[in-house]
C-alpha atoms as a PDB file:
ATOM      1  CA  MET A   1     -21.244-130.773  -1.210  1.00  0.00           C
ATOM      2  CA  ALA A   2     -20.060-132.338  -4.657  1.00  0.00           C
ATOM      3  CA  ARG A   3     -18.821-135.447  -4.653  1.00  0.00           C
ATOM      4  CA  MET A   4     -15.373-135.978  -4.923  1.00  0.00           C
ATOM      5  CA  SER A   5     -14.905-138.225  -7.717  1.00  0.00           C
ATOM      6  CA  ALA A   6     -12.926-138.456 -10.589  1.00  0.00           C
ATOM      7  CA  PRO A   7     -10.796-141.110 -13.069  1.00  0.00           C
ATOM      8  CA  HIS A   8      -7.087-141.454 -11.771  1.00  0.00           C
ATOM      9  CA  SER A   9      -4.808-139.506 -13.932  1.00  0.00           C
ATOM     10  CA  SER A  10      -2.321-142.421 -15.600  1.00  0.00           C
ATOM     11  CA  SER A  11       0.480-140.080 -14.523  1.00  0.00           C
ATOM     12  CA  THR A  12       1.410-139.779 -10.783  1.00  0.00           C
ATOM     13  CA  PRO A  13       0.737-135.965  -9.302  1.00  0.00           C
ATOM     14  CA  THR A  14       3.727-134.473  -8.107  1.00  0.00           C
ATOM     15  CA  ARG A  15       2.982-133.232  -4.257  1.00  0.00           C
ATOM     16  CA  THR A  16       4.929-131.500  -2.073  1.00  0.00           C
ATOM     17  CA  VAL A  17       3.732-133.968   0.835  1.00  0.00           C
ATOM     18  CA  ARG A  18       5.400-137.266  -0.176  1.00  0.00           C
ATOM     19  CA  LYS A  19       4.818-139.121   3.077  1.00  0.00           C
ATOM     20  CA  ALA A  20       2.487-141.083   4.200  1.00  0.00           C
ATOM     21  CA  VAL A  21       2.100-142.681   7.915  1.00  0.00           C
ATOM     22  CA  VAL A  22      -0.596-145.702   8.475  1.00  0.00           C
ATOM     23  CA  PRO A  23      -1.256-146.672  12.089  1.00  0.00           C
ATOM     24  CA  ALA A  24      -1.930-150.297  12.321  1.00  0.00           C
ATOM     25  CA  ALA A  25      -1.140-151.471  15.715  1.00  0.00           C
ATOM     26  CA  GLY A  26      -4.499-152.095  16.825  1.00  0.00           C
ATOM     27  CA  LEU A  27      -5.579-155.256  18.373  1.00  0.00           C
ATOM     28  CA  GLY A  28      -8.635-155.633  16.357  1.00  0.00           C
ATOM     29  CA  THR A  29     -10.869-157.041  19.370  1.00  0.00           C
ATOM     30  CA  ARG A  30     -13.990-156.380  17.506  1.00  0.00           C
ATOM     31  CA  PHE A  31     -13.369-159.310  15.062  1.00  0.00           C
ATOM     32  CA  LEU A  32     -12.200-161.791  17.416  1.00  0.00           C
ATOM     33  CA  PRO A  33     -11.375-164.935  17.161  1.00  0.00           C
ATOM     34  CA  ALA A  34     -10.588-163.756  13.633  1.00  0.00           C
ATOM     35  CA  THR A  35      -7.830-161.224  14.751  1.00  0.00           C
ATOM     36  CA  LYS A  36      -6.328-163.765  17.114  1.00  0.00           C
ATOM     37  CA  ALA A  37      -3.814-164.655  15.125  1.00  0.00           C
ATOM     38  CA  THR A  38      -4.415-162.349  12.086  1.00  0.00           C
ATOM     39  CA  PRO A  39      -3.865-158.767  12.081  1.00  0.00           C
ATOM     40  CA  LYS A  40      -7.550-157.045  11.357  1.00  0.00           C
ATOM     41  CA  GLU A  41      -5.769-154.837   8.776  1.00  0.00           C
ATOM     42  CA  MET A  42      -4.989-158.130   6.732  1.00  0.00           C
ATOM     43  CA  LEU A  43      -8.559-159.480   6.984  1.00  0.00           C
ATOM     44  CA  PRO A  44      -9.279-159.934   2.804  1.00  0.00           C
ATOM     45  CA  VAL A  45     -12.168-157.277   1.108  1.00  0.00           C
ATOM     46  CA  VAL A  46     -13.123-159.307  -2.027  1.00  0.00           C
ATOM     47  CA  ASP A  47      -9.450-160.682  -2.771  1.00  0.00           C
ATOM     48  CA  LYS A  48      -7.084-158.148  -1.514  1.00  0.00           C
ATOM     49  CA  PRO A  49      -6.429-157.122   2.460  1.00  0.00           C
ATOM     50  CA  ALA A  50      -8.074-153.824   3.900  1.00  0.00           C
ATOM     51  CA  ILE A  51      -4.476-152.380   4.313  1.00  0.00           C
ATOM     52  CA  GLN A  52      -3.613-152.848   0.512  1.00  0.00           C
ATOM     53  CA  TYR A  53      -6.476-150.517  -0.377  1.00  0.00           C
ATOM     54  CA  VAL A  54      -5.281-147.787   1.766  1.00  0.00           C
ATOM     55  CA  VAL A  55      -1.667-147.888   0.489  1.00  0.00           C
ATOM     56  CA  GLU A  56      -3.078-147.875  -3.188  1.00  0.00           C
ATOM     57  CA  GLU A  57      -4.994-144.785  -1.987  1.00  0.00           C
ATOM     58  CA  ALA A  58      -2.026-143.064  -1.021  1.00  0.00           C
ATOM     59  CA  ALA A  59       0.175-143.724  -3.829  1.00  0.00           C
ATOM     60  CA  ALA A  60      -2.430-142.877  -6.130  1.00  0.00           C
ATOM     61  CA  ALA A  61      -2.133-139.187  -4.574  1.00  0.00           C
ATOM     62  CA  GLY A  62       1.531-139.282  -5.393  1.00  0.00           C
ATOM     63  CA  LEU A  63       2.490-140.473  -1.615  1.00  0.00           C
ATOM     64  CA  ASP A  64       5.527-142.742  -2.756  1.00  0.00           C
ATOM     65  CA  ASP A  65       6.896-143.132   0.847  1.00  0.00           C
ATOM     66  CA  VAL A  66       4.766-145.119   3.572  1.00  0.00           C
ATOM     67  CA  LEU A  67       5.480-145.503   7.012  1.00  0.00           C
ATOM     68  CA  MET A  68       3.533-148.666   8.446  1.00  0.00           C
ATOM     69  CA  VAL A  69       3.395-148.031  12.685  1.00  0.00           C
ATOM     70  CA  THR A  70       2.419-151.432  13.555  1.00  0.00           C
ATOM     71  CA  GLY A  71       2.630-153.456  17.078  1.00  0.00           C
ATOM     72  CA  ARG A  72       3.400-157.461  17.888  1.00  0.00           C
ATOM     73  CA  HIS A  73       1.884-159.974  16.184  1.00  0.00           C
ATOM     74  CA  LYS A  74       1.755-158.040  12.870  1.00  0.00           C
ATOM     75  CA  ARG A  75       4.658-159.329  10.507  1.00  0.00           C
ATOM     76  CA  SER A  76       2.220-160.778   8.122  1.00  0.00           C
ATOM     77  CA  ILE A  77       1.585-156.990   7.085  1.00  0.00           C
ATOM     78  CA  GLU A  78       5.512-156.273   6.549  1.00  0.00           C
ATOM     79  CA  ASP A  79       5.550-159.636   4.591  1.00  0.00           C
ATOM     80  CA  HIS A  80       2.071-158.946   2.427  1.00  0.00           C
ATOM     81  CA  PHE A  81       4.581-155.593   1.175  1.00  0.00           C
ATOM     82  CA  ASP A  82       7.559-157.321   0.569  1.00  0.00           C
ATOM     83  CA  ASN A  83       8.702-159.875  -2.467  1.00  0.00           C
ATOM     84  CA  ALA A  84       7.716-163.393  -2.052  1.00  0.00           C
ATOM     85  CA  PHE A  85      10.553-164.858  -4.141  1.00  0.00           C
ATOM     86  CA  GLU A  86       9.631-168.705  -4.353  1.00  0.00           C
ATOM     87  CA  LEU A  87       5.817-167.908  -4.658  1.00  0.00           C
ATOM     88  CA  GLU A  88       6.705-165.565  -7.877  1.00  0.00           C
ATOM     89  CA  GLN A  89       8.927-168.082  -9.027  1.00  0.00           C
ATOM     90  CA  ALA A  90       6.468-170.939  -8.968  1.00  0.00           C
ATOM     91  CA  LEU A  91       3.844-168.602 -10.734  1.00  0.00           C
ATOM     92  CA  ALA A  92       6.122-167.524 -13.258  1.00  0.00           C
ATOM     93  CA  ALA A  93       7.243-171.093 -14.038  1.00  0.00           C
ATOM     94  CA  LYS A  94       3.013-171.537 -14.620  1.00  0.00           C
ATOM     95  CA  GLY A  95       3.130-168.449 -16.998  1.00  0.00           C
ATOM     96  CA  ASP A  96       0.682-167.521 -14.571  1.00  0.00           C
ATOM     97  CA  ALA A  97       1.152-163.688 -15.280  1.00  0.00           C
ATOM     98  CA  VAL A  98      -2.001-162.322 -13.663  1.00  0.00           C
ATOM     99  CA  ARG A  99      -1.574-163.787 -10.602  1.00  0.00           C
ATOM    100  CA  LEU A 100       2.222-163.003 -10.698  1.00  0.00           C
ATOM    101  CA  ASP A 101       1.397-159.329 -10.970  1.00  0.00           C
ATOM    102  CA  ALA A 102      -1.211-159.356  -8.596  1.00  0.00           C
ATOM    103  CA  VAL A 103       1.542-160.688  -6.069  1.00  0.00           C
ATOM    104  CA  ARG A 104       4.332-158.491  -6.953  1.00  0.00           C
ATOM    105  CA  ASP A 105       1.995-155.215  -6.681  1.00  0.00           C
ATOM    106  CA  PRO A 106       2.037-154.427  -3.341  1.00  0.00           C
ATOM    107  CA  ALA A 107       5.712-154.327  -2.856  1.00  0.00           C
ATOM    108  CA  ARG A 108       5.510-151.706  -6.222  1.00  0.00           C
ATOM    109  CA  LEU A 109       3.444-149.461  -4.671  1.00  0.00           C
ATOM    110  CA  ALA A 110       5.703-147.251  -2.924  1.00  0.00           C
ATOM    111  CA  ASN A 111       8.865-147.240  -0.611  1.00  0.00           C
ATOM    112  CA  ILE A 112       7.480-149.256   2.430  1.00  0.00           C
ATOM    113  CA  HIS A 113       9.065-148.788   6.081  1.00  0.00           C
ATOM    114  CA  HIS A 114       8.208-150.404   9.196  1.00  0.00           C
ATOM    115  CA  ILE A 115       8.187-149.172  13.161  1.00  0.00           C
ATOM    116  CA  ARG A 116       6.669-150.663  15.856  1.00  0.00           C
ATOM    117  CA  GLN A 117       4.505-148.968  18.390  1.00  0.00           C
ATOM    118  CA  GLY A 118       5.817-150.310  21.651  1.00  0.00           C
ATOM    119  CA  GLU A 119       2.446-149.782  23.489  1.00  0.00           C
ATOM    120  CA  PRO A 120      -1.318-148.999  22.708  1.00  0.00           C
ATOM    121  CA  LEU A 121      -1.166-145.676  23.949  1.00  0.00           C
ATOM    122  CA  GLY A 122      -3.508-144.245  21.256  1.00  0.00           C
ATOM    123  CA  LEU A 123      -3.709-142.827  17.698  1.00  0.00           C
ATOM    124  CA  GLY A 124      -1.444-139.357  19.121  1.00  0.00           C
ATOM    125  CA  HIS A 125       1.291-141.830  20.028  1.00  0.00           C
ATOM    126  CA  ALA A 126       0.992-143.661  17.062  1.00  0.00           C
ATOM    127  CA  VAL A 127       1.537-140.712  14.978  1.00  0.00           C
ATOM    128  CA  LEU A 128       4.238-139.727  17.388  1.00  0.00           C
ATOM    129  CA  CYS A 129       6.249-142.743  16.626  1.00  0.00           C
ATOM    130  CA  ALA A 130       6.705-141.693  12.902  1.00  0.00           C
ATOM    131  CA  ARG A 131       8.485-138.352  14.044  1.00  0.00           C
ATOM    132  CA  ARG A 132      12.017-139.543  12.981  1.00  0.00           C
ATOM    133  CA  HIS A 133      10.985-141.093   9.932  1.00  0.00           C
ATOM    134  CA  VAL A 134       8.837-137.891   8.818  1.00  0.00           C
ATOM    135  CA  GLY A 135      11.354-135.154  10.216  1.00  0.00           C
ATOM    136  CA  ASP A 136      10.203-131.746   9.624  1.00  0.00           C
ATOM    137  CA  GLN A 137       7.871-132.346   6.643  1.00  0.00           C
ATOM    138  CA  PRO A 138       4.229-132.478   6.135  1.00  0.00           C
ATOM    139  CA  PHE A 139       2.446-135.715   6.101  1.00  0.00           C
ATOM    140  CA  ALA A 140      -0.741-137.887   5.379  1.00  0.00           C
ATOM    141  CA  VAL A 141      -2.180-139.960   7.833  1.00  0.00           C
ATOM    142  CA  LEU A 142      -4.286-142.823   6.575  1.00  0.00           C
ATOM    143  CA  LEU A 143      -6.448-144.806   8.691  1.00  0.00           C
ATOM    144  CA  GLY A 144      -6.398-148.471   7.988  1.00  0.00           C
ATOM    145  CA  ASP A 145      -9.997-149.086   9.292  1.00  0.00           C
ATOM    146  CA  ASP A 146     -11.318-146.469   6.793  1.00  0.00           C
ATOM    147  CA  LEU A 147     -11.593-147.194   2.915  1.00  0.00           C
ATOM    148  CA  ILE A 148     -12.164-144.718   0.872  1.00  0.00           C
ATOM    149  CA  ASP A 149     -13.650-145.723  -2.498  1.00  0.00           C
ATOM    150  CA  PRO A 150     -10.848-146.002  -5.042  1.00  0.00           C
ATOM    151  CA  ARG A 151     -12.743-143.847  -7.497  1.00  0.00           C
ATOM    152  CA  GLU A 152     -12.759-140.908  -4.984  1.00  0.00           C
ATOM    153  CA  THR A 153     -10.156-138.193  -4.589  1.00  0.00           C
ATOM    154  CA  LEU A 154     -10.448-137.080  -1.043  1.00  0.00           C
ATOM    155  CA  LEU A 155      -6.750-137.614  -0.202  1.00  0.00           C
ATOM    156  CA  SER A 156      -5.739-135.164  -3.234  1.00  0.00           C
ATOM    157  CA  ARG A 157      -8.273-132.771  -2.747  1.00  0.00           C
ATOM    158  CA  MET A 158      -6.778-132.514   0.934  1.00  0.00           C
ATOM    159  CA  LEU A 159      -3.358-132.541  -0.054  1.00  0.00           C
ATOM    160  CA  ASP A 160      -4.098-129.657  -2.719  1.00  0.00           C
ATOM    161  CA  VAL A 161      -5.913-127.637   0.476  1.00  0.00           C
ATOM    162  CA  ARG A 162      -2.618-127.943   1.930  1.00  0.00           C
ATOM    163  CA  ASP A 163      -0.759-127.050  -0.716  1.00  0.00           C
ATOM    164  CA  ARG A 164      -2.420-123.413  -0.331  1.00  0.00           C
ATOM    165  CA  HIS A 165      -3.519-122.655   3.237  1.00  0.00           C
ATOM    166  CA  GLN A 166      -0.692-124.682   4.910  1.00  0.00           C
ATOM    167  CA  GLY A 167      -0.938-125.796   8.288  1.00  0.00           C
ATOM    168  CA  SER A 168      -3.231-129.250   9.074  1.00  0.00           C
ATOM    169  CA  VAL A 169      -6.248-130.532   7.026  1.00  0.00           C
ATOM    170  CA  ILE A 170      -8.486-133.429   7.805  1.00  0.00           C
ATOM    171  CA  ALA A 171     -11.053-135.189   6.541  1.00  0.00           C
ATOM    172  CA  LEU A 172     -14.879-134.195   7.650  1.00  0.00           C
ATOM    173  CA  MET A 173     -17.915-135.970   6.833  1.00  0.00           C
ATOM    174  CA  LYS A 174     -21.590-134.894   7.910  1.00  0.00           C
ATOM    175  CA  VAL A 175     -23.474-137.725   9.959  1.00  0.00           C
ATOM    176  CA  PRO A 176     -26.628-138.166  11.742  1.00  0.00           C
ATOM    177  CA  PRO A 177     -26.546-136.803  15.569  1.00  0.00           C
ATOM    178  CA  GLU A 178     -27.226-139.891  17.104  1.00  0.00           C
ATOM    179  CA  GLN A 179     -23.745-140.974  15.541  1.00  0.00           C
ATOM    180  CA  ILE A 180     -21.574-138.012  16.405  1.00  0.00           C
ATOM    181  CA  HIS A 181     -20.398-139.461  19.674  1.00  0.00           C
ATOM    182  CA  LEU A 182     -18.822-142.425  17.669  1.00  0.00           C
ATOM    183  CA  TYR A 183     -16.151-139.623  16.471  1.00  0.00           C
ATOM    184  CA  GLY A 184     -13.938-136.704  16.793  1.00  0.00           C
ATOM    185  CA  CYS A 185     -16.281-133.591  16.182  1.00  0.00           C
ATOM    186  CA  ALA A 186     -15.229-130.528  14.527  1.00  0.00           C
ATOM    187  CA  ALA A 187     -16.761-126.838  15.208  1.00  0.00           C
ATOM    188  CA  VAL A 188     -16.122-124.973  12.097  1.00  0.00           C
ATOM    189  CA  GLU A 189     -16.213-121.838  10.270  1.00  0.00           C
ATOM    190  CA  ALA A 190     -17.113-121.664   6.339  1.00  0.00           C
ATOM    191  CA  THR A 191     -14.647-120.572   3.809  1.00  0.00           C
ATOM    192  CA  GLY A 192     -14.906-118.978   0.130  1.00  0.00           C
ATOM    193  CA  GLU A 193     -15.349-122.903  -0.829  1.00  0.00           C
ATOM    194  CA  ASP A 194     -18.234-125.169  -0.344  1.00  0.00           C
ATOM    195  CA  ASP A 195     -16.076-128.174   0.502  1.00  0.00           C
ATOM    196  CA  VAL A 196     -13.355-126.247   2.638  1.00  0.00           C
ATOM    197  CA  VAL A 197     -14.192-125.483   5.922  1.00  0.00           C
ATOM    198  CA  ARG A 198     -11.726-123.419   8.924  1.00  0.00           C
ATOM    199  CA  VAL A 199     -11.345-125.667  12.120  1.00  0.00           C
ATOM    200  CA  THR A 200     -12.216-123.868  14.951  1.00  0.00           C
ATOM    201  CA  GLY A 201     -12.203-126.455  17.757  1.00  0.00           C
ATOM    202  CA  LEU A 202     -12.435-130.143  18.061  1.00  0.00           C
ATOM    203  CA  VAL A 203     -14.147-132.450  20.591  1.00  0.00           C
ATOM    204  CA  GLU A 204     -13.473-136.220  20.810  1.00  0.00           C
ATOM    205  CA  LYS A 205     -16.334-138.319  20.520  1.00  0.00           C
ATOM    206  CA  PRO A 206     -18.989-135.925  22.434  1.00  0.00           C
ATOM    207  CA  SER A 207     -22.298-136.432  23.457  1.00  0.00           C
ATOM    208  CA  PRO A 208     -25.248-134.932  20.802  1.00  0.00           C
ATOM    209  CA  GLN A 209     -26.186-132.412  22.915  1.00  0.00           C
ATOM    210  CA  ASP A 210     -22.412-131.051  23.555  1.00  0.00           C
ATOM    211  CA  ALA A 211     -21.528-131.888  19.584  1.00  0.00           C
ATOM    212  CA  PRO A 212     -20.470-128.148  18.405  1.00  0.00           C
ATOM    213  CA  SER A 213     -21.633-129.552  14.753  1.00  0.00           C
ATOM    214  CA  HIS A 214     -22.530-132.504  13.034  1.00  0.00           C
ATOM    215  CA  TYR A 215     -19.369-133.012  11.391  1.00  0.00           C
ATOM    216  CA  ALA A 216     -17.369-135.943  12.122  1.00  0.00           C
ATOM    217  CA  VAL A 217     -13.510-136.771  11.783  1.00  0.00           C
ATOM    218  CA  ILE A 218     -12.817-139.451   9.371  1.00  0.00           C
ATOM    219  CA  GLY A 219      -9.790-141.190   9.078  1.00  0.00           C
ATOM    220  CA  ARG A 220      -7.367-138.935   6.537  1.00  0.00           C
ATOM    221  CA  TYR A 221      -5.202-136.140   7.944  1.00  0.00           C
ATOM    222  CA  VAL A 222      -2.337-133.771   6.186  1.00  0.00           C
ATOM    223  CA  LEU A 223      -0.641-132.776   9.259  1.00  0.00           C
ATOM    224  CA  ASP A 224       2.104-130.181   9.511  1.00  0.00           C
ATOM    225  CA  PRO A 225       5.248-131.396  11.226  1.00  0.00           C
ATOM    226  CA  ALA A 226       4.257-128.744  14.164  1.00  0.00           C
ATOM    227  CA  VAL A 227       1.670-131.523  15.110  1.00  0.00           C
ATOM    228  CA  PHE A 228       4.634-133.439  16.647  1.00  0.00           C
ATOM    229  CA  ASP A 229       6.064-130.665  19.145  1.00  0.00           C
ATOM    230  CA  THR A 230       2.157-130.685  19.971  1.00  0.00           C
ATOM    231  CA  LEU A 231       1.564-134.298  20.789  1.00  0.00           C
ATOM    232  CA  GLU A 232       4.763-134.409  23.131  1.00  0.00           C
ATOM    233  CA  ARG A 233       3.078-132.236  25.620  1.00  0.00           C
ATOM    234  CA  THR A 234      -0.635-133.501  25.025  1.00  0.00           C
ATOM    235  CA  ARG A 235      -1.566-135.255  28.185  1.00  0.00           C
ATOM    236  CA  PRO A 236      -3.550-138.994  28.214  1.00  0.00           C
ATOM    237  CA  GLY A 237      -7.174-137.997  27.320  1.00  0.00           C
ATOM    238  CA  ARG A 238      -9.949-139.988  26.982  1.00  0.00           C
ATOM    239  CA  GLY A 239      -9.822-143.961  27.546  1.00  0.00           C
ATOM    240  CA  GLY A 240      -6.156-142.806  29.079  1.00  0.00           C
ATOM    241  CA  GLU A 241      -4.907-142.484  25.318  1.00  0.00           C
ATOM    242  CA  ILE A 242      -2.835-139.579  23.770  1.00  0.00           C
ATOM    243  CA  GLN A 243      -5.686-138.439  21.516  1.00  0.00           C
ATOM    244  CA  LEU A 244      -4.658-137.019  18.080  1.00  0.00           C
ATOM    245  CA  THR A 245      -7.547-134.716  18.044  1.00  0.00           C
ATOM    246  CA  ASP A 246      -6.326-133.240  21.682  1.00  0.00           C
ATOM    247  CA  ALA A 247      -3.270-131.643  19.777  1.00  0.00           C
ATOM    248  CA  LEU A 248      -5.295-130.868  16.619  1.00  0.00           C
ATOM    249  CA  GLN A 249      -7.583-129.026  18.775  1.00  0.00           C
ATOM    250  CA  GLU A 250      -4.693-126.612  19.833  1.00  0.00           C
ATOM    251  CA  LEU A 251      -3.334-126.362  16.137  1.00  0.00           C
ATOM    252  CA  ALA A 252      -7.140-124.989  15.614  1.00  0.00           C
ATOM    253  CA  ALA A 253      -7.193-122.904  18.491  1.00  0.00           C
ATOM    254  CA  GLY A 254      -4.009-121.151  16.388  1.00  0.00           C
ATOM    255  CA  GLY A 255      -6.130-120.996  13.472  1.00  0.00           C
ATOM    256  CA  THR A 256      -4.206-123.614  11.347  1.00  0.00           C
ATOM    257  CA  VAL A 257      -6.513-126.004  10.746  1.00  0.00           C
ATOM    258  CA  HIS A 258      -8.798-126.376   7.901  1.00  0.00           C
ATOM    259  CA  GLY A 259     -11.194-129.602   6.891  1.00  0.00           C
ATOM    260  CA  VAL A 260     -12.377-130.837   3.758  1.00  0.00           C
ATOM    261  CA  VAL A 261     -15.564-131.682   3.539  1.00  0.00           C
ATOM    262  CA  PHE A 262     -16.532-134.982   1.981  1.00  0.00           C
ATOM    263  CA  ASP A 263     -19.799-136.901   1.054  1.00  0.00           C
ATOM    264  CA  GLY A 264     -18.830-139.767  -1.047  1.00  0.00           C
ATOM    265  CA  LEU A 265     -18.246-143.428  -0.775  1.00  0.00           C
ATOM    266  CA  ARG A 266     -16.450-144.116   2.234  1.00  0.00           C
ATOM    267  CA  TYR A 267     -16.412-147.820   4.249  1.00  0.00           C
ATOM    268  CA  ASP A 268     -15.722-148.568   7.837  1.00  0.00           C
ATOM    269  CA  THR A 269     -14.153-151.704   7.884  1.00  0.00           C
ATOM    270  CA  GLY A 270     -13.581-151.851  11.571  1.00  0.00           C
ATOM    271  CA  ASP A 271     -17.249-152.374  12.384  1.00  0.00           C
ATOM    272  CA  LYS A 272     -18.800-155.774  11.492  1.00  0.00           C
ATOM    273  CA  ALA A 273     -21.565-154.961   9.257  1.00  0.00           C
ATOM    274  CA  ASP A 274     -19.828-152.521   7.267  1.00  0.00           C
ATOM    275  CA  TYR A 275     -17.364-154.723   6.854  1.00  0.00           C
ATOM    276  CA  LEU A 276     -19.691-157.144   5.107  1.00  0.00           C
ATOM    277  CA  ARG A 277     -21.538-154.567   3.137  1.00  0.00           C
ATOM    278  CA  THR A 278     -18.039-153.221   1.770  1.00  0.00           C
ATOM    279  CA  VAL A 279     -16.979-156.614   0.691  1.00  0.00           C
ATOM    280  CA  VAL A 280     -20.193-156.813  -1.395  1.00  0.00           C
ATOM    281  CA  ARG A 281     -20.606-153.329  -2.659  1.00  0.00           C
ATOM    282  CA  LEU A 282     -16.854-153.811  -3.672  1.00  0.00           C
ATOM    283  CA  ALA A 283     -17.454-157.347  -5.366  1.00  0.00           C
ATOM    284  CA  CYS A 284     -20.603-155.878  -7.109  1.00  0.00           C
ATOM    285  CA  ASP A 285     -18.479-152.816  -8.744  1.00  0.00           C
ATOM    286  CA  ARG A 286     -15.765-155.644  -9.935  1.00  0.00           C
ATOM    287  CA  ASP A 287     -16.142-156.210 -13.646  1.00  0.00           C
ATOM    288  CA  ASP A 288     -14.856-160.046 -13.382  1.00  0.00           C
ATOM    289  CA  LEU A 289     -17.051-160.924 -10.187  1.00  0.00           C
ATOM    290  CA  GLY A 290     -19.944-158.208 -10.184  1.00  0.00           C
ATOM    291  CA  PRO A 291     -22.385-159.377 -12.904  1.00  0.00           C
ATOM    292  CA  GLU A 292     -22.701-162.934 -11.849  1.00  0.00           C
ATOM    293  CA  PHE A 293     -22.373-162.061  -8.043  1.00  0.00           C
ATOM    294  CA  VAL A 294     -25.149-159.220  -8.497  1.00  0.00           C
ATOM    295  CA  ALA A 295     -27.533-161.810 -10.129  1.00  0.00           C
ATOM    296  CA  TRP A 296     -26.804-164.137  -7.304  1.00  0.00           C
ATOM    297  CA  LEU A 297     -27.604-161.484  -4.829  1.00  0.00           C
ATOM    298  CA  LYS A 298     -31.112-160.474  -6.401  1.00  0.00           C
ATOM    299  CA  GLU A 299     -31.887-164.077  -6.118  1.00  0.00           C
ATOM    300  CA  PHE A 300     -30.622-164.623  -3.059  1.00  0.00           C
ATOM    301  CA  VAL A 301     -32.564-161.460  -1.501  1.00  0.00           C
ATOM    302  CA  SER A 302     -35.396-162.318  -3.237  1.00  0.00           C
ATOM    303  CA  GLY A 303     -35.324-165.745  -1.494  1.00  0.00           C
ATOM    304  CA  LEU A 304     -35.411-163.922   1.759  1.00  0.00           C
ATOM    305  CA  GLU A 305     -38.042-161.637   1.191  1.00  0.00           C
ATOM    306  CA  SER A 306     -40.423-164.760  -0.058  1.00  0.00           C
ATOM    307  CA  GLY A 307     -40.016-166.047   3.264  1.00  0.00           C
ATOM    308  CA  GLY A 308     -36.631-167.923   2.915  1.00  0.00           C
ATOM    309  CA  ALA A 309     -37.470-171.067   1.300  1.00  0.00           C
ATOM    310  CA  ASP A 310     -34.714-170.996  -1.398  1.00  0.00           C
ATOM    311  CA  ARG A 311     -32.297-170.167   1.159  1.00  0.00           C
ATOM    312  CA  GLY A 312     -30.460-173.709   1.449  1.00  0.00           C
ATOM    313  CA  ARG A 313     -30.707-173.523  -2.509  1.00  0.00           C
ATOM    314  CA  LEU A 314     -29.273-169.944  -3.003  1.00  0.00           C
ATOM    315  CA  ALA A 315     -26.411-170.501  -0.152  1.00  0.00           C
ATOM    316  CA  ALA A 316     -25.326-174.002  -1.984  1.00  0.00           C
END
């Protein structure tokens, strides 16, 4: 499959899908104790919280209405996407235009709304919480743990497929057989396009021997509003939670689900090791940080490979 990357257009595209839902109610237990008082979505990736990258992705694809589905102790997410008048005034008084823009940017990305998921009943339930806000319109769902590299155009491609085929569209990525048990897995049929498949079935976290393919569902969806009625009658599944995969399985049986196969850059910030790799990779790509950081990193790795004699000096 061709990598989906292209420079972002200077003008925002016009979309039939305008709303995005970002589930952000998880407890972040894999990052304790860091997430005891700080939402996992607010952990920094270089100098922005992870969730800001997700909202930036939605905005770049032309989605200007974003609903955050949060939970208790997530107030800092709301604060981040709001104006901070005292801080802005202090930066303006100092003439610090660069940091002033950085502080103002989150609130300017889109119309941001917030709703609380009262109980942690799964991703399907989090999506169902958005029903009143979304209404009878198609909408995107972006999971905060999944970061797609800003240079990729996966979401825009999914929106294009939705415009042509209607129904729902999910993002798929080929993974090694030994990893498929970590994901929802799709049974697929080919279409006339290399990166688009018809989804005929879905299984949540199957064993490798039971997986219908190597195509894993990753955290980007463009959903038809019909998913709400399906979620209403979806009974709790794996882990006692209402699984979005189960609802999409019912829709797929009706022939209304397509998949976009993605082979670009994706970062799983819900995993500690992948989180660290994400920070390093994005820092290396920065014009303001990359050259100096890459030079240090090469020297640091060289020290490790030579037996670690220089680790103390390099870490200083």
